[in-house]
Amino acid sequence: MTIAERIGSIFPTWDDIPEPYRLATPVEQREYLIDGALRRLDGAVQEVFSPVCIRTSAGQQRYRIGSFPLMTEAEALNVLAAAVAAYDNGRGAWPTMTVDARIRHVQLFAAKMKEQRDAVVRLLMWEIGKTLRDAEKEFDRTVAYIADTVDALKDLDRTSSRFTIAEGIIGQIRRSPLGVTLCMGPYNYPLNETMTTLIPALIMGNTTVLKPPRHGVLLFAPLLEAFCEAFPPGVVNTLFGMGRTVTPPLMRSGKVDVLAFIGNSKAANALQKEHPKPNRLRLVLGLEAKNPAIVLPDADLELAVSECLAGSLAFNGQRCTALKILFVHEEIAADFIARFSAALTRLGSGMPWEPGVSITPLPEQEKPGYLLELIEDARTYGAEVRNEAGGAINGSFFQPALVYPVNERMRLWREEQFGPVIPVVPFTAVETPIRYIEESNYGQQVSIFGRDSLQLARLIDPLVNQVSRVNLNSQCQRGPDVFPFTGRKDSAVGTLSVSDALRAFSIRAIVAAKELDLNRQIIGDITREHRSNFLSTDFIL
């Protein structure tokens, strides 16, 4: 069977789907969490169709997997009001709670979350087309992230449990919350990247409004009860609906203190502009990237092809950290293209639950057409698709396309394709990719492939001033989560890692007093009698 023939029959009948992976009962999400209670909405809904199509006697069509409520502006503002009331200008039970007590609430949520692993993993496959292996990895990595966050906060709090005396002043410096946080995650990692902002925001004492991404809403349904049971009323509240309807009113209210948003800069900029008091708004943003790879003439080609293949096509290239343009020295370009094309032929494609599958259907209905536009534009300026059946489409499935040679006249040169199209640029002087990076609007990461340590060192020094992570002979990636994750230019605002996120969602506050006998006695009484949750020498084990 040719690749084209395989693509033509890639979607299953219902009987072809193994019983453990079927989603026979649609998830009709009607409840949302507000002020510690699950309430039902009976208004308009948005139907959700899987990127997985089912072949039937009536033809091939996307499978309907459920629906979620389309909240109104008034309902959205009620959700925000619950978070505002729970924070209560910093006087609420959650922001004034001890660090140890907040940790216990987060640990309770993690325990209850683990009980929903199978349900969430199944929905990750059906709702966004993530492979079974990657869906399980996303869930497990999120659980591990929560545990690591708890450990990082314990370390931070232990350091803060002592007093500092300087120039006759006694002081204790701790971190305090910022206020009400609006958390909005992306569809490519709807669970993990949402939680990497939500969990640190919560554990530092902020109250939250959680808005799931447009694709990846239903997978939060199994977690609503866990949120409800693990956290006090108003600490976690959920918002469902179209982002352009429900989020601008929240920002216009001026009552959102932190915007934690992972998505595109156009949406982030629009939300920022809605806020009437921008100087009071803290931003934690993960935005676009056009991460390049630079493959030098002395590179280990087998390694470079393997890493670039994984870097450009993991989850169909739908990652901000994906390699989205490859600069390959002209001396090895022909060999690189041949090897890469052969590797694409061997790459498994199919349904998310099938063993060995890497390429799956795309959740965005308009994405295959958009990717095809990019390829046609590249053809106009002299490029070709260099792999068999590259760019072939069957419904929501798009066969990866290796496009070569790409130049600066093409849209693929500048647009973030966020999908399985791999543009390759030949170069003679290394100044070409360096200039590309310097002129780019984005500055997240770069991958460099080569052997000459002197040449690599000369590349590292300028590139660390253009991007936030230089990867040597390896693909771009976010992890490990203890490493800082951020970007320059239009790629990010703020830094996320296990420890950095705790700081991003808090501010240093100090209680200070002149070194007088009276003040020593007062501070001693407060700490000995545990009269303050902030001014304390308690040591969390």
Protein backbone atom coordinates (compact mmCIF):
# COMPACT_ATOMS: atom_id res chain seq x y z
CA MET A 1 0.00 0.00 0.00
CA THR A 2 1.36 3.42 -0.95
CA ILE A 3 1.42 6.33 1.48
CA ALA A 4 -1.36 8.03 -0.50
CA GLU A 5 -3.52 4.91 -0.30
CA ARG A 6 -2.87 4.64 3.43
CA ILE A 7 -3.91 8.27 3.92
CA GLY A 8 -7.09 7.65 1.94
CA SER A 9 -8.16 4.90 4.33
CA ILE A 10 -6.65 6.28 7.53
CA PHE A 11 -9.91 6.79 9.42
CA PRO A 12 -11.65 3.83 11.09
CA THR A 13 -15.16 2.53 11.23
CA TRP A 14 -16.63 2.36 14.72
CA ASP A 15 -16.00 -1.38 14.85
CA ASP A 16 -12.32 -0.80 14.07
CA ILE A 17 -11.82 1.09 17.34
CA PRO A 18 -10.66 -1.10 20.26
CA GLU A 19 -13.25 -1.18 23.04
CA PRO A 20 -10.98 0.36 25.75
CA TYR A 21 -10.45 3.51 23.66
CA ARG A 22 -13.98 4.15 22.47
CA LEU A 23 -15.86 7.23 23.65
CA ALA A 24 -19.32 5.79 23.24
CA THR A 25 -21.10 8.29 25.52
CA PRO A 26 -20.67 11.98 24.63
CA VAL A 27 -19.59 14.31 27.43
CA GLU A 28 -22.43 16.80 27.75
CA GLN A 29 -20.74 19.27 30.06
CA ARG A 30 -23.37 21.45 31.74
CA GLU A 31 -21.85 22.18 35.14
CA TYR A 32 -19.34 24.83 36.09
CA LEU A 33 -17.59 25.53 39.38
CA ILE A 34 -18.36 28.77 41.16
CA ASP A 35 -17.90 29.72 44.81
CA GLY A 36 -17.30 26.13 45.87
CA ALA A 37 -20.37 24.63 44.19
CA LEU A 38 -21.08 22.91 40.88
CA ARG A 39 -23.93 24.73 39.18
CA ARG A 40 -25.83 23.76 36.07
CA LEU A 41 -26.23 25.92 32.98
CA ASP A 42 -29.14 25.23 30.62
CA GLY A 43 -28.49 27.89 27.99
CA ALA A 44 -26.69 27.75 24.66
CA VAL A 45 -23.98 25.16 24.13
CA GLN A 46 -21.04 24.58 21.82
CA GLU A 47 -20.94 21.14 20.27
CA VAL A 48 -17.54 19.46 20.21
CA PHE A 49 -16.37 17.28 17.34
CA SER A 50 -13.26 15.15 17.49
CA PRO A 51 -10.49 15.46 14.91
CA VAL A 52 -11.03 11.71 14.57
CA CYS A 53 -13.40 10.99 11.71
CA ILE A 54 -15.53 7.84 11.54
CA ARG A 55 -16.27 6.05 8.29
CA THR A 56 -19.96 5.17 7.96
CA SER A 57 -22.31 4.15 5.16
CA ALA A 58 -23.27 7.82 4.89
CA GLY A 59 -19.65 8.89 4.45
CA GLN A 60 -16.77 10.08 6.62
CA GLN A 61 -17.38 12.69 9.31
CA ARG A 62 -15.90 14.05 12.51
CA TYR A 63 -17.21 12.19 15.54
CA ARG A 64 -19.30 14.21 17.98
CA ILE A 65 -17.87 13.80 21.48
CA GLY A 66 -19.99 16.22 23.50
CA SER A 67 -20.73 19.85 24.24
CA PHE A 68 -20.02 22.60 26.75
CA PRO A 69 -21.98 25.68 27.86
CA LEU A 70 -21.58 29.06 26.21
CA MET A 71 -21.66 31.37 29.19
CA THR A 72 -22.93 34.92 28.86
CA GLU A 73 -21.10 38.08 29.89
CA ALA A 74 -23.23 38.30 33.05
CA GLU A 75 -22.44 34.70 33.99
CA ALA A 76 -18.74 35.30 33.39
CA LEU A 77 -18.77 38.32 35.66
CA ASN A 78 -20.46 36.26 38.38
CA VAL A 79 -17.61 33.75 38.16
CA LEU A 80 -15.10 36.57 38.55
CA ALA A 81 -17.05 37.98 41.48
CA ALA A 82 -16.68 34.67 43.32
CA ALA A 83 -12.89 34.80 42.94
CA VAL A 84 -12.81 38.47 44.01
CA ALA A 85 -14.90 37.73 47.11
CA ALA A 86 -12.71 34.78 48.06
CA TYR A 87 -9.59 36.93 47.82
CA ASP A 88 -11.33 39.78 49.67
CA ASN A 89 -8.53 42.28 49.10
CA GLY A 90 -6.06 39.86 50.64
CA ARG A 91 -8.16 39.26 53.75
CA GLY A 92 -9.80 36.04 52.57
CA ALA A 93 -9.20 32.66 54.15
CA TRP A 94 -7.07 31.44 51.22
CA PRO A 95 -4.56 34.32 50.88
CA THR A 96 -4.09 34.50 54.67
CA MET A 97 -3.79 30.73 55.13
CA THR A 98 -0.49 29.18 56.18
CA VAL A 99 1.74 27.86 53.42
CA ASP A 100 1.54 24.40 54.95
CA ALA A 101 -2.27 24.43 54.85
CA ARG A 102 -2.38 25.55 51.21
CA ILE A 103 0.05 22.77 50.34
CA ARG A 104 -2.32 20.21 51.90
CA HIS A 105 -5.19 21.47 49.73
CA VAL A 106 -3.07 21.18 46.58
CA GLN A 107 -1.93 17.68 47.56
CA LEU A 108 -5.56 16.66 48.10
CA PHE A 109 -6.39 17.89 44.60
CA ALA A 110 -3.47 15.94 43.11
CA ALA A 111 -4.68 12.75 44.82
CA LYS A 112 -8.19 13.20 43.47
CA MET A 113 -6.84 14.14 40.04
CA LYS A 114 -4.97 10.83 39.81
CA GLU A 115 -8.28 9.00 40.13
CA GLN A 116 -9.38 10.55 36.83
CA ARG A 117 -6.32 9.55 34.79
CA ASP A 118 -8.08 7.17 32.39
CA ALA A 119 -10.94 9.59 31.70
CA VAL A 120 -8.65 12.55 31.06
CA VAL A 121 -6.26 10.55 28.88
CA ARG A 122 -9.14 9.25 26.74
CA LEU A 123 -10.47 12.77 26.27
CA LEU A 124 -7.01 14.09 25.34
CA MET A 125 -6.97 11.53 22.53
CA TRP A 126 -10.48 12.21 21.28
CA GLU A 127 -10.61 15.98 21.78
CA ILE A 128 -7.25 17.09 20.38
CA GLY A 129 -5.89 13.98 18.67
CA LYS A 130 -2.96 13.43 21.04
CA THR A 131 -1.45 9.95 20.89
CA LEU A 132 -2.14 7.59 23.78
CA ARG A 133 1.53 7.64 24.76
CA ASP A 134 1.72 11.45 24.74
CA ALA A 135 -1.65 11.83 26.51
CA GLU A 136 -0.47 9.55 29.32
CA LYS A 137 2.82 11.44 29.44
CA GLU A 138 1.03 14.78 29.69
CA PHE A 139 -1.12 13.59 32.57
CA ASP A 140 1.74 11.97 34.49
CA ARG A 141 4.03 14.93 33.91
CA THR A 142 1.35 17.24 35.30
CA VAL A 143 1.00 15.16 38.46
CA ALA A 144 4.79 15.20 38.85
CA TYR A 145 4.81 18.97 38.29
CA ILE A 146 2.37 19.44 41.17
CA ALA A 147 4.59 17.39 43.48
CA ASP A 148 7.69 19.29 42.38
CA THR A 149 5.89 22.60 42.96
CA VAL A 150 5.05 21.56 46.51
CA ASP A 151 8.67 20.63 47.16
CA ALA A 152 9.91 23.92 45.66
CA LEU A 153 7.55 25.95 47.84
CA LYS A 154 8.71 24.08 50.94
CA ASP A 155 12.30 24.98 50.09
CA LEU A 156 11.35 28.59 49.47
CA ASP A 157 9.40 28.84 52.70
CA ARG A 158 12.19 27.28 54.74
CA THR A 159 14.54 29.99 53.52
CA SER A 160 11.95 32.61 54.45
CA SER A 161 11.33 31.30 57.95
CA ARG A 162 14.25 33.19 59.48
CA PHE A 163 14.69 36.86 60.36
CA THR A 164 17.25 39.25 58.91
CA ILE A 165 18.81 42.01 60.98
CA ALA A 166 20.53 44.86 59.15
CA GLU A 167 21.36 48.42 60.14
CA GLY A 168 19.27 48.17 63.28
CA ILE A 169 16.19 46.81 61.51
CA ILE A 170 14.67 43.38 62.10
CA GLY A 171 12.86 42.00 59.08
CA GLN A 172 11.21 38.89 57.80
CA ILE A 173 10.79 38.60 54.04
CA ARG A 174 8.21 36.24 52.61
CA ARG A 175 6.22 36.00 49.41
CA SER A 176 2.60 37.07 49.33
CA PRO A 177 -0.10 36.59 46.65
CA LEU A 178 -1.01 39.09 43.97
CA GLY A 179 -4.78 38.71 43.84
CA VAL A 180 -7.24 37.28 41.34
CA THR A 181 -5.65 35.31 38.51
CA LEU A 182 -7.21 34.52 35.14
CA CYS A 183 -5.60 31.29 33.85
CA MET A 184 -5.93 30.45 30.16
CA GLY A 185 -4.03 27.51 28.68
CA PRO A 186 -3.36 26.36 25.10
CA TYR A 187 -5.01 23.56 23.18
CA ASN A 188 -1.79 21.67 22.43
CA TYR A 189 -1.09 20.97 26.12
CA PRO A 190 -4.48 21.83 27.60
CA LEU A 191 -3.95 20.00 30.85
CA ASN A 192 -0.24 20.43 31.53
CA GLU A 193 0.31 24.04 30.51
CA THR A 194 -2.91 25.18 32.16
CA MET A 195 -1.81 23.55 35.38
CA THR A 196 1.69 25.02 35.19
CA THR A 197 0.10 28.42 35.74
CA LEU A 198 -2.94 27.43 37.82
CA ILE A 199 -1.12 25.37 40.47
CA PRO A 200 1.61 27.92 41.33
CA ALA A 201 -0.99 30.70 41.31
CA LEU A 202 -3.11 28.74 43.78
CA ILE A 203 -0.37 27.52 46.07
CA MET A 204 0.95 31.08 46.49
CA GLY A 205 -2.45 32.24 47.76
CA ASN A 206 -4.14 33.71 44.71
CA THR A 207 -7.75 32.95 43.84
CA THR A 208 -8.38 31.89 40.27
CA VAL A 209 -10.67 31.81 37.26
CA LEU A 210 -9.85 28.89 34.96
CA LYS A 211 -10.77 29.27 31.27
CA PRO A 212 -10.02 26.09 29.26
CA PRO A 213 -8.77 26.48 25.67
CA ARG A 214 -11.11 26.34 22.69
CA HIS A 215 -9.98 22.79 21.93
CA GLY A 216 -9.53 20.89 25.18
CA VAL A 217 -12.56 21.87 27.23
CA LEU A 218 -14.19 18.54 27.91
CA LEU A 219 -11.11 16.95 29.46
CA PHE A 220 -11.58 19.28 32.46
CA ALA A 221 -15.04 17.83 33.16
CA PRO A 222 -13.66 14.86 35.15
CA LEU A 223 -11.64 17.28 37.31
CA LEU A 224 -14.43 19.64 38.38
CA GLU A 225 -15.37 17.59 41.45
CA ALA A 226 -11.71 17.34 42.43
CA PHE A 227 -11.39 21.13 42.33
CA CYS A 228 -14.63 21.49 44.25
CA GLU A 229 -13.66 19.06 47.02
CA ALA A 230 -10.02 20.10 47.37
CA PHE A 231 -10.26 23.90 47.58
CA PRO A 232 -12.28 26.34 49.70
CA PRO A 233 -15.20 28.18 48.05
CA GLY A 234 -14.22 30.73 45.43
CA VAL A 235 -10.57 29.70 45.22
CA VAL A 236 -11.04 27.89 41.88
CA ASN A 237 -13.82 28.93 39.52
CA THR A 238 -14.34 27.74 35.95
CA LEU A 239 -15.32 29.72 32.90
CA PHE A 240 -16.75 28.11 29.76
CA GLY A 241 -17.61 29.72 26.46
CA MET A 242 -16.12 31.65 23.59
CA GLY A 243 -13.06 33.57 24.68
CA ARG A 244 -13.98 36.73 22.80
CA THR A 245 -17.30 36.81 24.70
CA VAL A 246 -16.41 35.87 28.26
CA THR A 247 -12.86 37.14 28.85
CA PRO A 248 -12.87 40.81 27.72
CA PRO A 249 -15.57 41.75 30.28
CA LEU A 250 -13.42 40.26 33.03
CA MET A 251 -10.46 42.36 31.98
CA ARG A 252 -12.58 45.51 31.55
CA SER A 253 -13.75 45.16 35.14
CA GLY A 254 -10.22 45.89 36.35
CA LYS A 255 -10.60 43.14 38.94
CA VAL A 256 -8.17 40.70 37.35
CA ASP A 257 -4.77 41.15 38.99
CA VAL A 258 -2.82 38.52 37.02
CA LEU A 259 -3.29 37.38 33.44
CA ALA A 260 -1.70 33.95 32.94
CA PHE A 261 -2.14 33.26 29.24
CA ILE A 262 -0.49 30.77 26.92
CA GLY A 263 -1.45 31.30 23.30
CA ASN A 264 -0.90 33.86 20.57
CA SER A 265 0.21 37.45 21.06
CA LYS A 266 -2.75 38.93 19.19
CA ALA A 267 -5.19 37.57 21.77
CA ALA A 268 -2.88 38.46 24.67
CA ASN A 269 -2.47 42.04 23.46
CA ALA A 270 -6.21 42.45 23.02
CA LEU A 271 -6.87 41.28 26.57
CA GLN A 272 -4.20 43.55 28.05
CA LYS A 273 -5.70 46.57 26.30
CA GLU A 274 -9.07 45.89 27.92
CA HIS A 275 -7.70 46.34 31.44
CA PRO A 276 -8.34 49.88 32.75
CA LYS A 277 -5.35 49.83 35.14
CA PRO A 278 -2.47 48.26 33.22
CA ASN A 279 0.12 49.11 35.84
CA ARG A 280 -1.74 46.90 38.31
CA LEU A 281 -1.88 43.94 35.94
CA ARG A 282 0.82 41.27 36.28
CA LEU A 283 1.44 39.32 33.09
CA VAL A 284 2.62 35.73 32.74
CA LEU A 285 2.54 34.99 29.01
CA GLY A 286 3.75 32.17 26.80
CA LEU A 287 3.36 33.23 23.18
CA GLU A 288 4.50 32.34 19.66
CA ALA A 289 7.88 31.11 18.55
CA LYS A 290 9.58 30.32 15.26
CA ASN A 291 12.40 28.22 16.66
CA PRO A 292 15.13 27.49 14.11
CA ALA A 293 17.65 24.69 13.86
CA ILE A 294 21.13 25.35 12.47
CA VAL A 295 22.73 22.25 10.98
CA LEU A 296 26.43 22.89 10.42
CA PRO A 297 28.49 21.03 7.77
CA ASP A 298 30.27 18.87 10.37
CA ALA A 299 27.04 17.80 12.10
CA ASP A 300 26.30 14.17 12.89
CA LEU A 301 23.60 13.81 10.23
CA GLU A 302 21.94 10.77 11.74
CA LEU A 303 21.58 12.58 15.04
CA ALA A 304 20.53 15.87 13.41
CA VAL A 305 17.82 14.23 11.30
CA SER A 306 16.49 12.26 14.27
CA GLU A 307 16.33 15.32 16.54
CA CYS A 308 14.94 17.63 13.85
CA LEU A 309 12.29 15.06 12.95
CA ALA A 310 11.14 14.79 16.56
CA GLY A 311 11.55 18.53 17.13
CA SER A 312 9.45 19.54 14.14
CA LEU A 313 6.75 16.84 14.30
CA ALA A 314 6.11 15.90 17.95
CA PHE A 315 2.33 16.28 18.33
CA ASN A 316 2.17 17.16 14.64
CA GLY A 317 4.41 20.20 15.15
CA GLN A 318 1.74 21.84 17.31
CA ARG A 319 4.09 23.04 20.03
CA CYS A 320 5.49 26.49 20.72
CA THR A 321 8.86 24.78 21.26
CA ALA A 322 8.70 22.93 17.92
CA LEU A 323 11.46 23.42 15.38
CA LYS A 324 9.65 25.48 12.75
CA ILE A 325 12.43 26.27 10.28
CA LEU A 326 15.62 24.33 9.57
CA PHE A 327 18.78 26.00 8.30
CA VAL A 328 21.02 23.34 6.73
CA HIS A 329 24.45 24.04 5.27
CA GLU A 330 24.42 23.58 1.49
CA GLU A 331 27.31 21.08 1.62
CA ILE A 332 25.10 18.56 3.40
CA ALA A 333 21.64 19.79 2.39
CA ALA A 334 21.03 17.11 -0.26
CA ASP A 335 22.02 14.32 2.11
CA PHE A 336 19.96 15.84 4.93
CA ILE A 337 16.85 16.12 2.71
CA ALA A 338 17.24 12.53 1.50
CA ARG A 339 17.60 11.18 5.03
CA PHE A 340 14.75 13.31 6.39
CA SER A 341 12.43 12.28 3.56
CA ALA A 342 13.21 8.62 4.17
CA ALA A 343 12.54 9.07 7.89
CA LEU A 344 9.17 10.66 7.09
CA THR A 345 8.24 7.61 5.02
CA ARG A 346 8.84 5.39 8.06
CA LEU A 347 6.95 7.66 10.45
CA GLY A 348 3.79 6.07 11.83
CA SER A 349 0.52 7.85 11.15
CA GLY A 350 -3.00 6.97 12.19
CA MET A 351 -5.43 7.20 15.09
CA PRO A 352 -4.24 8.33 18.55
CA TRP A 353 -4.69 4.93 20.21
CA GLU A 354 -2.78 2.94 17.59
CA PRO A 355 0.67 1.64 18.64
CA GLY A 356 3.68 3.39 17.12
CA VAL A 357 1.68 6.32 15.75
CA SER A 358 3.29 9.77 15.65
CA ILE A 359 1.15 11.75 13.18
CA THR A 360 -2.53 12.08 14.03
CA PRO A 361 -5.52 14.18 12.87
CA LEU A 362 -5.47 17.92 13.58
CA PRO A 363 -8.04 19.46 15.98
CA GLU A 364 -8.35 22.83 14.21
CA GLN A 365 -10.81 22.41 11.34
CA GLU A 366 -9.22 25.15 9.25
CA LYS A 367 -5.61 24.04 9.80
CA PRO A 368 -5.16 21.61 6.85
CA GLY A 369 -6.30 24.28 4.39
CA TYR A 370 -4.00 26.87 5.95
CA LEU A 371 -0.99 24.55 5.76
CA LEU A 372 -1.74 23.83 2.13
CA GLU A 373 -1.80 27.59 1.44
CA LEU A 374 1.70 27.88 2.91
CA ILE A 375 2.95 25.09 0.69
CA GLU A 376 1.40 26.58 -2.45
CA ASP A 377 2.92 29.96 -1.60
CA ALA A 378 6.34 28.31 -1.22
CA ARG A 379 5.93 26.58 -4.57
CA THR A 380 5.26 29.95 -6.16
CA TYR A 381 8.73 31.07 -5.10
CA GLY A 382 10.60 27.94 -6.14
CA ALA A 383 10.25 25.40 -3.35
CA GLU A 384 9.11 21.80 -3.68
CA VAL A 385 7.64 19.19 -1.38
CA ARG A 386 10.44 16.64 -1.12
CA ASN A 387 8.72 13.66 0.54
CA GLU A 388 6.20 11.21 -0.88
CA ALA A 389 2.58 12.41 -0.53
CA GLY A 390 3.72 15.40 1.55
CA GLY A 391 0.81 17.81 2.04
CA ALA A 392 -1.85 15.21 1.18
CA ILE A 393 -5.11 15.82 3.04
CA ASN A 394 -7.90 13.53 4.13
CA GLY A 395 -10.42 15.43 6.23
CA SER A 396 -8.62 16.46 9.42
CA PHE A 397 -5.49 14.48 8.56
CA PHE A 398 -2.51 16.24 6.99
CA GLN A 399 0.50 14.30 5.78
CA PRO A 400 3.73 16.05 6.90
CA ALA A 401 5.42 18.02 4.13
CA LEU A 402 9.17 18.62 3.82
CA VAL A 403 9.51 21.88 1.86
CA TYR A 404 12.83 22.80 0.20
CA PRO A 405 14.47 25.18 -0.62
CA VAL A 406 12.75 27.89 1.42
CA ASN A 407 13.72 31.55 1.10
CA GLU A 408 12.78 34.89 2.60
CA ARG A 409 10.05 35.63 0.04
CA MET A 410 7.88 32.80 1.35
CA ARG A 411 5.30 32.92 4.11
CA LEU A 412 6.97 29.86 5.66
CA TRP A 413 10.00 32.06 6.29
CA ARG A 414 8.14 34.27 8.74
CA GLU A 415 4.80 32.67 9.73
CA GLU A 416 4.59 30.19 12.60
CA GLN A 417 2.92 27.25 10.83
CA PHE A 418 2.12 25.36 14.07
CA GLY A 419 1.62 22.15 12.17
CA PRO A 420 3.36 19.36 10.21
CA VAL A 421 5.12 21.43 7.55
CA ILE A 422 8.93 21.45 7.72
CA PRO A 423 10.65 24.32 5.86
CA VAL A 424 14.34 23.80 5.09
CA VAL A 425 16.64 26.70 4.17
CA PRO A 426 20.06 26.03 2.59
CA PHE A 427 22.85 28.39 3.69
CA THR A 428 26.52 28.94 2.90
CA ALA A 429 27.52 31.40 5.63
CA VAL A 430 26.39 30.93 9.23
CA GLU A 431 25.61 34.64 9.24
CA THR A 432 22.37 33.78 7.37
CA PRO A 433 20.63 31.94 10.24
CA ILE A 434 22.11 34.34 12.79
CA ARG A 435 20.68 37.29 10.91
CA TYR A 436 17.35 35.48 10.67
CA ILE A 437 17.24 35.07 14.44
CA GLU A 438 18.26 38.69 15.03
CA GLU A 439 15.53 40.00 12.73
CA SER A 440 12.83 37.63 13.98
CA ASN A 441 9.96 38.87 16.12
CA TYR A 442 10.44 35.82 18.29
CA GLY A 443 13.21 34.68 20.61
CA GLN A 444 12.38 31.50 22.42
CA GLN A 445 14.95 28.80 21.53
CA VAL A 446 17.37 27.54 18.88
CA SER A 447 18.96 24.16 18.17
CA ILE A 448 22.54 23.91 16.85
CA PHE A 449 23.97 20.74 15.35
CA GLY A 450 27.74 20.40 14.90
CA ARG A 451 30.97 18.93 16.30
CA ASP A 452 33.50 21.80 16.33
CA SER A 453 33.50 23.11 19.90
CA LEU A 454 35.18 26.38 18.88
CA GLN A 455 32.56 27.15 16.24
CA LEU A 456 29.75 26.14 18.58
CA ALA A 457 31.13 28.39 21.30
CA ARG A 458 31.24 31.33 18.88
CA LEU A 459 27.58 30.70 18.05
CA ILE A 460 26.46 30.28 21.66
CA ASP A 461 27.75 33.66 22.85
CA PRO A 462 25.65 35.86 20.53
CA LEU A 463 22.63 33.53 20.44
CA VAL A 464 22.03 33.51 24.19
CA ASN A 465 21.41 37.24 23.79
CA GLN A 466 18.73 36.58 21.17
CA VAL A 467 16.91 33.53 22.55
CA SER A 468 16.38 32.11 26.01
CA ARG A 469 17.65 28.59 25.41
CA VAL A 470 20.34 27.22 23.09
CA ASN A 471 20.11 23.47 22.55
CA LEU A 472 23.28 21.67 21.49
CA ASN A 473 22.72 18.68 19.19
CA SER A 474 19.19 18.31 20.49
CA GLN A 475 15.70 19.52 19.69
CA CYS A 476 14.06 22.51 21.36
CA GLN A 477 11.91 21.61 24.34
CA ARG A 478 10.43 22.94 27.55
CA GLY A 479 11.63 20.42 30.12
CA PRO A 480 12.92 19.46 32.53
CA ASP A 481 10.46 21.58 34.50
CA VAL A 482 13.19 22.71 36.90
CA PHE A 483 14.79 24.61 33.98
CA PRO A 484 13.55 28.16 33.28
CA PHE A 485 11.06 28.38 30.43
CA THR A 486 10.66 31.80 28.86
CA GLY A 487 11.40 33.78 25.72
CA ARG A 488 12.62 37.11 24.42
CA LYS A 489 10.91 39.63 22.14
CA ASP A 490 7.29 38.60 21.41
CA SER A 491 7.65 35.02 22.66
CA ALA A 492 6.98 35.42 26.38
CA VAL A 493 6.51 37.66 29.39
CA GLY A 494 7.74 36.19 32.66
CA THR A 495 9.54 32.94 33.36
CA LEU A 496 8.03 29.58 34.15
CA SER A 497 9.77 26.68 35.84
CA VAL A 498 8.88 24.95 39.05
CA SER A 499 10.60 27.60 41.18
CA ASP A 500 10.27 30.60 38.83
CA ALA A 501 6.50 30.16 38.63
CA LEU A 502 6.18 30.55 42.40
CA ARG A 503 7.86 33.93 42.09
CA ALA A 504 5.84 34.90 39.00
CA PHE A 505 2.58 34.57 40.94
CA SER A 506 3.71 36.33 44.09
CA ILE A 507 5.53 39.37 45.38
CA ARG A 508 8.05 39.78 48.16
CA ALA A 509 6.60 41.38 51.28
CA ILE A 510 8.42 42.26 54.49
CA VAL A 511 7.50 42.87 58.10
CA ALA A 512 10.12 45.20 59.58
CA ALA A 513 10.74 46.78 62.96
CA LYS A 514 13.46 48.80 64.62
CA GLU A 515 15.68 46.67 66.81
CA LEU A 516 14.12 47.78 70.11
CA ASP A 517 13.41 45.66 73.19
CA LEU A 518 9.68 46.31 72.73
CA ASN A 519 9.73 45.09 69.15
CA ARG A 520 11.81 42.03 70.04
CA GLN A 521 9.22 41.12 72.66
CA ILE A 522 6.30 41.62 70.24
CA ILE A 523 7.91 39.57 67.50
CA GLY A 524 8.84 36.86 69.99
CA ASP A 525 5.29 36.67 71.33
CA ILE A 526 3.79 36.48 67.82
CA THR A 527 6.12 33.72 66.65
CA ARG A 528 6.09 31.66 69.85
CA GLU A 529 2.30 31.73 70.13
CA HIS A 530 1.76 31.25 66.35
CA ARG A 531 -0.42 34.35 66.22
CA SER A 532 0.45 35.21 62.61
CA ASN A 533 0.50 33.04 59.51
CA PHE A 534 2.94 35.41 57.81
CA LEU A 535 5.26 36.42 60.65
CA SER A 536 6.35 32.95 61.60
CA THR A 537 9.41 30.79 62.17
CA ASP A 538 7.60 27.52 61.48
CA PHE A 539 9.71 25.15 59.41
CA ILE A 540 7.87 22.92 56.93
CA LEU A 541 9.31 19.42 56.76
